[in-house]
Amino acid sequence: MDDWLLFLVAVLLVALGLVVLWIWSMVSAAKNGKWVWFVLILIFSPLCLLYLLFADKRPPASSEPPRVRREPT
């Protein structure tokens, strides 16, 4: 009886982790403006892992403000 309870808890924890991963990848895709990925993740939820591993590549944040080039007058 205890084995079934342990199995049930493990399955529920994995399912909860997958739901969190799915929501996290959808939020990440929406924040980055990748709407095609957002729709694909919404339809095909296993794509969320692929998105988080390969497509969510943000450029590193720079501590310097961007330089403005001024034309001589």
N, C-alpha and C. Protein backbone atom coordinates (compact mmCIF):
# COMPACT_ATOMS: atom_id res chain seq x y z
N MET A 1 0.83 -1.21 0.00
CA MET A 1 0.00 0.00 0.00
C MET A 1 0.86 1.26 0.00
N ASP A 2 1.98 1.23 0.71
CA ASP A 2 2.84 2.40 0.78
C ASP A 2 3.51 2.70 -0.55
N ASP A 3 3.78 1.66 -1.34
CA ASP A 3 4.41 1.87 -2.64
C ASP A 3 3.49 2.66 -3.57
N TRP A 4 2.20 2.37 -3.53
CA TRP A 4 1.26 3.10 -4.37
C TRP A 4 1.16 4.56 -3.96
N LEU A 5 1.19 4.81 -2.68
CA LEU A 5 1.13 6.18 -2.19
C LEU A 5 2.37 6.95 -2.61
N LEU A 6 3.53 6.35 -2.51
CA LEU A 6 4.77 6.98 -2.93
C LEU A 6 4.75 7.25 -4.44
N PHE A 7 4.26 6.29 -5.20
CA PHE A 7 4.15 6.46 -6.65
C PHE A 7 3.19 7.60 -6.99
N LEU A 8 2.07 7.67 -6.31
CA LEU A 8 1.09 8.72 -6.55
C LEU A 8 1.66 10.10 -6.24
N VAL A 9 2.38 10.22 -5.14
CA VAL A 9 3.01 11.50 -4.78
C VAL A 9 4.05 11.89 -5.82
N ALA A 10 4.84 10.93 -6.29
CA ALA A 10 5.85 11.22 -7.31
C ALA A 10 5.21 11.69 -8.61
N VAL A 11 4.15 11.04 -9.02
CA VAL A 11 3.46 11.43 -10.25
C VAL A 11 2.85 12.82 -10.10
N LEU A 12 2.27 13.13 -8.97
CA LEU A 12 1.69 14.45 -8.75
C LEU A 12 2.76 15.55 -8.74
N LEU A 13 3.92 15.26 -8.15
CA LEU A 13 5.01 16.24 -8.14
C LEU A 13 5.56 16.49 -9.55
N VAL A 14 5.68 15.45 -10.34
CA VAL A 14 6.14 15.61 -11.72
C VAL A 14 5.11 16.40 -12.52
N ALA A 15 3.84 16.10 -12.34
CA ALA A 15 2.79 16.84 -13.05
C ALA A 15 2.79 18.31 -12.66
N LEU A 16 2.95 18.60 -11.39
CA LEU A 16 3.00 19.99 -10.93
C LEU A 16 4.21 20.70 -11.53
N GLY A 17 5.35 20.03 -11.58
CA GLY A 17 6.55 20.61 -12.18
C GLY A 17 6.37 20.91 -13.66
N LEU A 18 5.69 20.02 -14.37
CA LEU A 18 5.44 20.25 -15.79
C LEU A 18 4.51 21.44 -16.02
N VAL A 19 3.52 21.59 -15.17
CA VAL A 19 2.61 22.74 -15.30
C VAL A 19 3.36 24.04 -15.03
N VAL A 20 4.21 24.05 -14.02
CA VAL A 20 5.01 25.25 -13.72
C VAL A 20 5.94 25.56 -14.89
N LEU A 21 6.58 24.54 -15.45
CA LEU A 21 7.47 24.74 -16.60
C LEU A 21 6.71 25.27 -17.80
N TRP A 22 5.51 24.78 -18.04
CA TRP A 22 4.67 25.22 -19.16
C TRP A 22 4.30 26.69 -18.99
N ILE A 23 3.86 27.08 -17.81
CA ILE A 23 3.48 28.47 -17.57
C ILE A 23 4.70 29.38 -17.67
N TRP A 24 5.83 28.95 -17.12
CA TRP A 24 7.04 29.74 -17.14
C TRP A 24 7.50 29.99 -18.58
N SER A 25 7.45 28.97 -19.43
CA SER A 25 7.88 29.15 -20.81
C SER A 25 6.92 30.04 -21.59
N MET A 26 5.63 29.97 -21.30
CA MET A 26 4.68 30.86 -21.98
C MET A 26 4.90 32.30 -21.56
N VAL A 27 5.13 32.55 -20.30
CA VAL A 27 5.40 33.91 -19.82
C VAL A 27 6.69 34.44 -20.43
N SER A 28 7.70 33.59 -20.50
CA SER A 28 8.98 34.00 -21.07
C SER A 28 8.83 34.34 -22.55
N ALA A 29 8.10 33.53 -23.28
CA ALA A 29 7.89 33.80 -24.71
C ALA A 29 7.10 35.09 -24.90
N ALA A 30 6.11 35.33 -24.07
CA ALA A 30 5.32 36.56 -24.19
C ALA A 30 6.15 37.79 -23.85
N LYS A 31 6.98 37.71 -22.81
CA LYS A 31 7.83 38.85 -22.44
C LYS A 31 8.82 39.20 -23.54
N ASN A 32 9.31 38.18 -24.25
CA ASN A 32 10.28 38.41 -25.31
C ASN A 32 9.61 38.75 -26.64
N GLY A 33 8.30 38.74 -26.68
CA GLY A 33 7.58 39.08 -27.91
C GLY A 33 7.66 38.00 -28.97
N LYS A 34 7.90 36.78 -28.59
CA LYS A 34 7.97 35.67 -29.53
C LYS A 34 6.61 34.98 -29.57
N TRP A 35 5.71 35.58 -30.34
CA TRP A 35 4.31 35.13 -30.33
C TRP A 35 4.11 33.82 -31.05
N VAL A 36 4.95 33.51 -32.03
CA VAL A 36 4.84 32.21 -32.69
C VAL A 36 5.18 31.10 -31.69
N TRP A 37 6.26 31.31 -30.92
CA TRP A 37 6.60 30.34 -29.89
C TRP A 37 5.49 30.23 -28.86
N PHE A 38 4.89 31.36 -28.49
CA PHE A 38 3.82 31.36 -27.50
C PHE A 38 2.67 30.46 -27.96
N VAL A 39 2.25 30.63 -29.21
CA VAL A 39 1.13 29.82 -29.73
C VAL A 39 1.53 28.35 -29.84
N LEU A 40 2.77 28.09 -30.28
CA LEU A 40 3.21 26.70 -30.39
C LEU A 40 3.27 26.03 -29.02
N ILE A 41 3.76 26.76 -28.01
CA ILE A 41 3.80 26.20 -26.66
C ILE A 41 2.39 25.98 -26.12
N LEU A 42 1.50 26.91 -26.44
CA LEU A 42 0.11 26.77 -26.00
C LEU A 42 -0.53 25.51 -26.59
N ILE A 43 -0.24 25.24 -27.86
CA ILE A 43 -0.85 24.09 -28.53
C ILE A 43 -0.12 22.80 -28.20
N PHE A 44 1.21 22.83 -28.27
CA PHE A 44 2.03 21.64 -28.06
C PHE A 44 2.87 21.85 -26.81
N SER A 45 2.35 21.52 -25.67
CA SER A 45 3.03 21.84 -24.41
C SER A 45 4.42 21.23 -24.24
N PRO A 46 4.79 20.09 -24.85
CA PRO A 46 6.17 19.62 -24.68
C PRO A 46 7.21 20.55 -25.30
N LEU A 47 6.77 21.47 -26.17
CA LEU A 47 7.72 22.41 -26.75
C LEU A 47 8.27 23.39 -25.73
N CYS A 48 7.64 23.48 -24.57
CA CYS A 48 8.12 24.43 -23.56
C CYS A 48 9.53 24.10 -23.13
N LEU A 49 9.88 22.84 -23.03
CA LEU A 49 11.23 22.47 -22.65
C LEU A 49 12.22 22.86 -23.75
N LEU A 50 11.85 22.63 -25.01
CA LEU A 50 12.72 23.02 -26.11
C LEU A 50 12.90 24.54 -26.15
N TYR A 51 11.82 25.27 -25.89
CA TYR A 51 11.92 26.73 -25.89
C TYR A 51 12.88 27.21 -24.80
N LEU A 52 12.74 26.69 -23.60
CA LEU A 52 13.59 27.14 -22.51
C LEU A 52 15.05 26.76 -22.73
N LEU A 53 15.29 25.65 -23.42
CA LEU A 53 16.66 25.22 -23.65
C LEU A 53 17.33 25.95 -24.81
N PHE A 54 16.58 26.23 -25.88
CA PHE A 54 17.22 26.70 -27.10
C PHE A 54 16.77 28.08 -27.58
N ALA A 55 15.51 28.44 -27.45
CA ALA A 55 15.00 29.66 -28.07
C ALA A 55 14.99 30.86 -27.15
N ASP A 56 15.12 30.68 -25.88
CA ASP A 56 15.05 31.79 -24.94
C ASP A 56 16.44 32.37 -24.71
N LYS A 57 17.05 32.88 -25.75
CA LYS A 57 18.39 33.45 -25.66
C LYS A 57 18.29 34.97 -25.70
N ARG A 58 18.30 35.56 -24.53
CA ARG A 58 18.26 37.02 -24.44
C ARG A 58 19.69 37.56 -24.46
N PRO A 59 19.88 38.71 -25.08
CA PRO A 59 21.22 39.29 -25.03
C PRO A 59 21.55 39.71 -23.60
N PRO A 60 22.82 39.64 -23.21
CA PRO A 60 23.16 40.04 -21.85
C PRO A 60 22.92 41.52 -21.63
N ALA A 61 22.49 41.84 -20.44
CA ALA A 61 22.21 43.24 -20.11
C ALA A 61 23.52 44.00 -19.99
N SER A 62 23.56 45.17 -20.57
CA SER A 62 24.76 45.99 -20.52
C SER A 62 24.61 47.03 -19.42
N SER A 63 25.71 47.31 -18.73
CA SER A 63 25.66 48.31 -17.67
C SER A 63 25.86 49.71 -18.22
N GLU A 64 26.38 49.82 -19.45
CA GLU A 64 26.59 51.13 -20.06
C GLU A 64 25.34 51.55 -20.84
N PRO A 65 25.02 52.85 -20.79
CA PRO A 65 23.91 53.31 -21.63
C PRO A 65 24.35 53.30 -23.09
N PRO A 66 23.42 53.15 -24.01
CA PRO A 66 23.80 53.13 -25.42
C PRO A 66 24.36 54.48 -25.85
N ARG A 67 25.37 54.44 -26.69
CA ARG A 67 25.99 55.67 -27.17
C ARG A 67 25.18 56.23 -28.33
N VAL A 68 25.06 57.56 -28.34
CA VAL A 68 24.34 58.23 -29.42
C VAL A 68 25.39 58.91 -30.30
N ARG A 69 25.35 58.56 -31.58
CA ARG A 69 26.28 59.17 -32.51
C ARG A 69 25.68 60.46 -33.04
N ARG A 70 26.44 61.51 -32.95
CA ARG A 70 25.98 62.80 -33.46
C ARG A 70 26.77 63.17 -34.69
N GLU A 71 26.05 63.63 -35.69
CA GLU A 71 26.68 64.07 -36.92
C GLU A 71 27.24 65.46 -36.74
N PRO A 72 28.45 65.72 -37.24
CA PRO A 72 28.98 67.09 -37.12
C PRO A 72 28.19 68.05 -37.98
N THR A 73 27.98 69.23 -37.48
CA THR A 73 27.21 70.24 -38.24
C THR A 73 28.09 71.36 -38.73
